[in-house]
Amino acid sequence: HDNLKGIGREAFSGCSNLTSLTIPKSVTSIGTSAIPSTCKIYVYRPSAGYDYRSTNRVVLNAYYTTGNDTFYYVVKADGNIEIIGCETTSTEITVPTDIDGVVVDEIGDYGFKNCTTLNSITIPNNIINIGDYAFFYCLSLQSVSMGNAVTSIGSMAFGLCKSLMRITLPKTLTSVGDEAFM
């Protein structure tokens, strides 16, 4: 139901016949091993630390497609957009400044994780926050150009980006998370 706030650790453990589960938008946390790995999950948004992009997870959030790039997003309480996922075969991407007139101001946790075809990305001036693991394991990423509004970069945001050679950091940056460029 739409008032459900969380699913506890191992909540559906042992439910071997459970094949499909739709998680409502109201859920903000999902505990460890809460749902059997064989169960196909339809989820609206990632919860902290929850791997919503494994093979049996389907994100039901809104999406925006341009060319070879599909951006999954949520509209936050402040009315702005957070990019929570991306599927692409492009080598170069510019994060959209808006989607249907609504400002994109955040790249969420895991937003571009495993986008292995990316060589370069341009983050426009409207992006304020880059979440944890945002570009984790983007193995081909060589160049990042950041707009002048970014104030924080999360933990492991560019972790294991082994090809990264050039990044432009803005003067507005006030916080860099643990192992952000590991």
Protein backbone atom coordinates (compact mmCIF):
# COMPACT_ATOMS: atom_id res chain seq x y z
CA HIS A 1 0.00 0.00 0.00
CA ASP A 2 1.04 3.62 -0.50
CA ASN A 3 1.66 4.27 3.21
CA LEU A 4 4.37 1.62 3.54
CA LYS A 5 7.64 3.32 4.58
CA GLY A 6 10.12 0.46 4.75
CA ILE A 7 10.73 -3.25 4.35
CA GLY A 8 12.79 -4.86 7.09
CA ARG A 9 15.78 -7.17 6.88
CA GLU A 10 14.90 -10.64 5.53
CA ALA A 11 11.17 -9.68 5.44
CA PHE A 12 10.38 -12.14 2.63
CA SER A 13 13.20 -14.59 3.35
CA GLY A 14 12.12 -18.14 2.57
CA CYS A 15 9.25 -17.08 0.30
CA SER A 16 10.49 -19.30 -2.53
CA ASN A 17 7.25 -19.03 -4.53
CA LEU A 18 7.30 -15.22 -4.54
CA THR A 19 8.04 -14.28 -8.17
CA SER A 20 7.02 -10.62 -8.42
CA LEU A 21 6.72 -7.67 -6.05
CA THR A 22 5.83 -4.03 -6.71
CA ILE A 23 7.24 -1.64 -4.13
CA PRO A 24 5.31 1.63 -3.74
CA LYS A 25 6.83 5.10 -4.03
CA SER A 26 6.42 5.64 -0.28
CA VAL A 27 9.14 3.07 0.61
CA THR A 28 12.39 4.78 1.56
CA SER A 29 14.36 1.84 2.97
CA ILE A 30 14.74 -1.82 2.18
CA GLY A 31 16.67 -4.04 4.58
CA THR A 32 19.43 -6.49 3.73
CA SER A 33 18.20 -9.71 2.09
CA ALA A 34 14.62 -8.46 2.41
CA ILE A 35 13.50 -9.95 -0.89
CA PRO A 36 14.60 -13.24 -2.50
CA SER A 37 17.05 -12.74 -5.36
CA THR A 38 14.80 -14.75 -7.71
CA CYS A 39 11.88 -12.37 -7.19
CA LYS A 40 11.36 -9.74 -9.91
CA ILE A 41 11.00 -6.38 -8.18
CA TYR A 42 9.26 -3.34 -9.60
CA VAL A 43 10.59 -0.38 -7.64
CA TYR A 44 9.99 3.36 -7.97
CA ARG A 45 13.20 4.72 -6.55
CA PRO A 46 16.42 3.49 -5.03
CA SER A 47 16.70 3.37 -1.29
CA ALA A 48 19.96 4.05 0.50
CA GLY A 49 22.37 1.25 -0.27
CA TYR A 50 19.80 -0.74 -2.23
CA ASP A 51 20.96 -2.14 -5.56
CA TYR A 52 17.89 -1.29 -7.61
CA ARG A 53 19.62 -1.98 -10.93
CA SER A 54 20.44 -5.67 -10.59
CA THR A 55 19.07 -7.87 -13.34
CA ASN A 56 15.74 -8.67 -11.70
CA ARG A 57 14.90 -5.08 -10.69
CA VAL A 58 12.74 -2.83 -12.87
CA VAL A 59 12.72 0.89 -12.10
CA LEU A 60 9.27 2.38 -12.60
CA ASN A 61 10.32 6.00 -12.27
CA ALA A 62 9.78 8.51 -14.99
CA TYR A 63 12.39 8.57 -17.71
CA TYR A 64 13.61 10.91 -20.41
CA THR A 65 15.21 9.65 -23.61
CA THR A 66 17.32 11.64 -26.02
CA GLY A 67 19.35 9.87 -28.70
CA ASN A 68 21.10 6.85 -27.15
CA ASP A 69 20.62 8.12 -23.59
CA THR A 70 17.79 7.29 -21.19
CA PHE A 71 17.79 9.18 -17.89
CA TYR A 72 15.67 7.83 -15.02
CA TYR A 73 14.60 10.46 -12.53
CA VAL A 74 12.44 11.42 -9.60
CA VAL A 75 10.88 14.77 -8.84
CA LYS A 76 12.00 15.65 -5.33
CA ALA A 77 9.97 17.37 -2.62
CA ASP A 78 11.53 20.73 -3.62
CA GLY A 79 10.10 20.33 -7.14
CA ASN A 80 13.48 19.78 -8.84
CA ILE A 81 14.69 16.61 -10.52
CA GLU A 82 17.28 14.08 -9.36
CA ILE A 83 18.79 11.74 -11.96
CA ILE A 84 18.76 8.27 -10.37
CA GLY A 85 19.85 6.15 -13.31
CA CYS A 86 21.10 6.21 -16.86
CA GLU A 87 21.28 3.72 -19.70
CA THR A 88 23.48 4.70 -22.59
CA THR A 89 25.67 3.51 -25.42
CA SER A 90 27.03 7.02 -25.98
CA THR A 91 30.67 7.92 -25.46
CA GLU A 92 29.86 11.56 -24.58
CA ILE A 93 26.95 12.84 -22.48
CA THR A 94 25.78 16.21 -21.27
CA VAL A 95 23.47 15.90 -18.27
CA PRO A 96 20.19 17.66 -19.12
CA THR A 97 19.60 21.06 -17.51
CA ASP A 98 15.87 20.40 -17.35
CA ILE A 99 13.30 17.77 -18.26
CA ASP A 100 10.02 19.15 -19.59
CA GLY A 101 10.83 22.53 -18.02
CA VAL A 102 11.67 21.14 -14.56
CA VAL A 103 15.23 21.88 -13.37
CA VAL A 104 17.64 18.96 -12.92
CA ASP A 105 19.81 19.86 -9.91
CA GLU A 106 21.18 16.56 -8.66
CA ILE A 107 22.87 13.39 -9.84
CA GLY A 108 21.74 10.85 -7.28
CA ASP A 109 23.49 7.89 -5.73
CA TYR A 110 24.47 5.34 -8.40
CA GLY A 111 23.08 7.67 -11.13
CA PHE A 112 25.59 6.70 -13.85
CA LYS A 113 27.10 3.60 -12.25
CA ASN A 114 28.49 1.10 -14.77
CA CYS A 115 28.03 3.37 -17.81
CA THR A 116 31.11 1.75 -19.30
CA THR A 117 30.85 3.34 -22.77
CA LEU A 118 31.24 6.91 -21.44
CA ASN A 119 34.48 8.69 -22.34
CA SER A 120 33.41 12.16 -21.26
CA ILE A 121 30.58 13.83 -19.40
CA THR A 122 29.58 17.45 -19.05
CA ILE A 123 27.78 18.39 -15.86
CA PRO A 124 25.93 21.67 -16.40
CA ASN A 125 25.77 24.72 -14.12
CA ASN A 126 22.48 23.72 -12.50
CA ILE A 127 23.80 20.55 -10.81
CA ILE A 128 24.46 21.15 -7.10
CA ASN A 129 25.08 17.65 -5.77
CA ILE A 130 26.76 14.53 -7.12
CA GLY A 131 25.74 11.52 -5.02
CA ASP A 132 27.60 8.51 -3.67
CA TYR A 133 28.84 6.08 -6.34
CA ALA A 134 27.35 8.39 -9.02
CA PHE A 135 29.92 7.41 -11.68
CA PHE A 136 31.30 4.30 -10.02
CA TYR A 137 32.92 1.80 -12.38
CA CYS A 138 32.63 3.98 -15.50
CA LEU A 139 35.77 2.30 -16.78
CA SER A 140 36.18 4.34 -19.99
CA LEU A 141 35.48 7.74 -18.42
CA GLN A 142 38.46 9.98 -19.23
CA SER A 143 37.14 13.52 -18.87
CA VAL A 144 34.62 15.28 -16.60
CA SER A 145 33.66 18.93 -16.96
CA MET A 146 31.69 20.20 -13.97
CA GLY A 147 29.52 23.27 -13.91
CA ASN A 148 30.12 26.07 -11.43
CA ALA A 149 27.29 25.16 -9.02
CA VAL A 150 28.47 21.78 -7.68
CA THR A 151 28.94 22.00 -3.92
CA SER A 152 29.35 18.33 -3.00
CA ILE A 153 30.71 15.11 -4.46
CA GLY A 154 29.70 11.93 -2.65
CA SER A 155 31.72 8.97 -1.45
CA MET A 156 33.16 6.78 -4.21
CA ALA A 157 31.46 9.08 -6.77
CA PHE A 158 34.22 8.42 -9.32
CA GLY A 159 35.51 5.21 -7.74
CA LEU A 160 37.20 2.75 -10.11
CA CYS A 161 37.07 5.21 -13.02
CA LYS A 162 40.47 3.88 -14.04
CA SER A 163 40.71 5.91 -17.26
CA LEU A 164 39.92 9.29 -15.64
CA MET A 165 42.65 11.75 -16.63
CA ARG A 166 41.00 15.18 -16.51
CA ILE A 167 38.35 16.68 -14.27
CA THR A 168 37.38 20.31 -13.80
CA LEU A 169 36.37 21.07 -10.22
CA PRO A 170 34.43 24.29 -9.53
CA LYS A 171 35.27 26.88 -6.89
CA THR A 172 31.84 26.25 -5.34
CA LEU A 173 32.89 22.76 -4.20
CA THR A 174 32.78 22.50 -0.40
CA SER A 175 32.61 18.76 0.24
CA VAL A 176 34.30 15.70 -1.29
CA GLY A 177 33.27 12.31 0.12
CA ASP A 178 35.46 9.44 1.21
CA GLU A 179 37.36 7.77 -1.61
CA ALA A 180 35.54 9.94 -4.16
CA PHE A 181 38.28 9.39 -6.76
CA MET A 182 39.56 5.99 -5.65
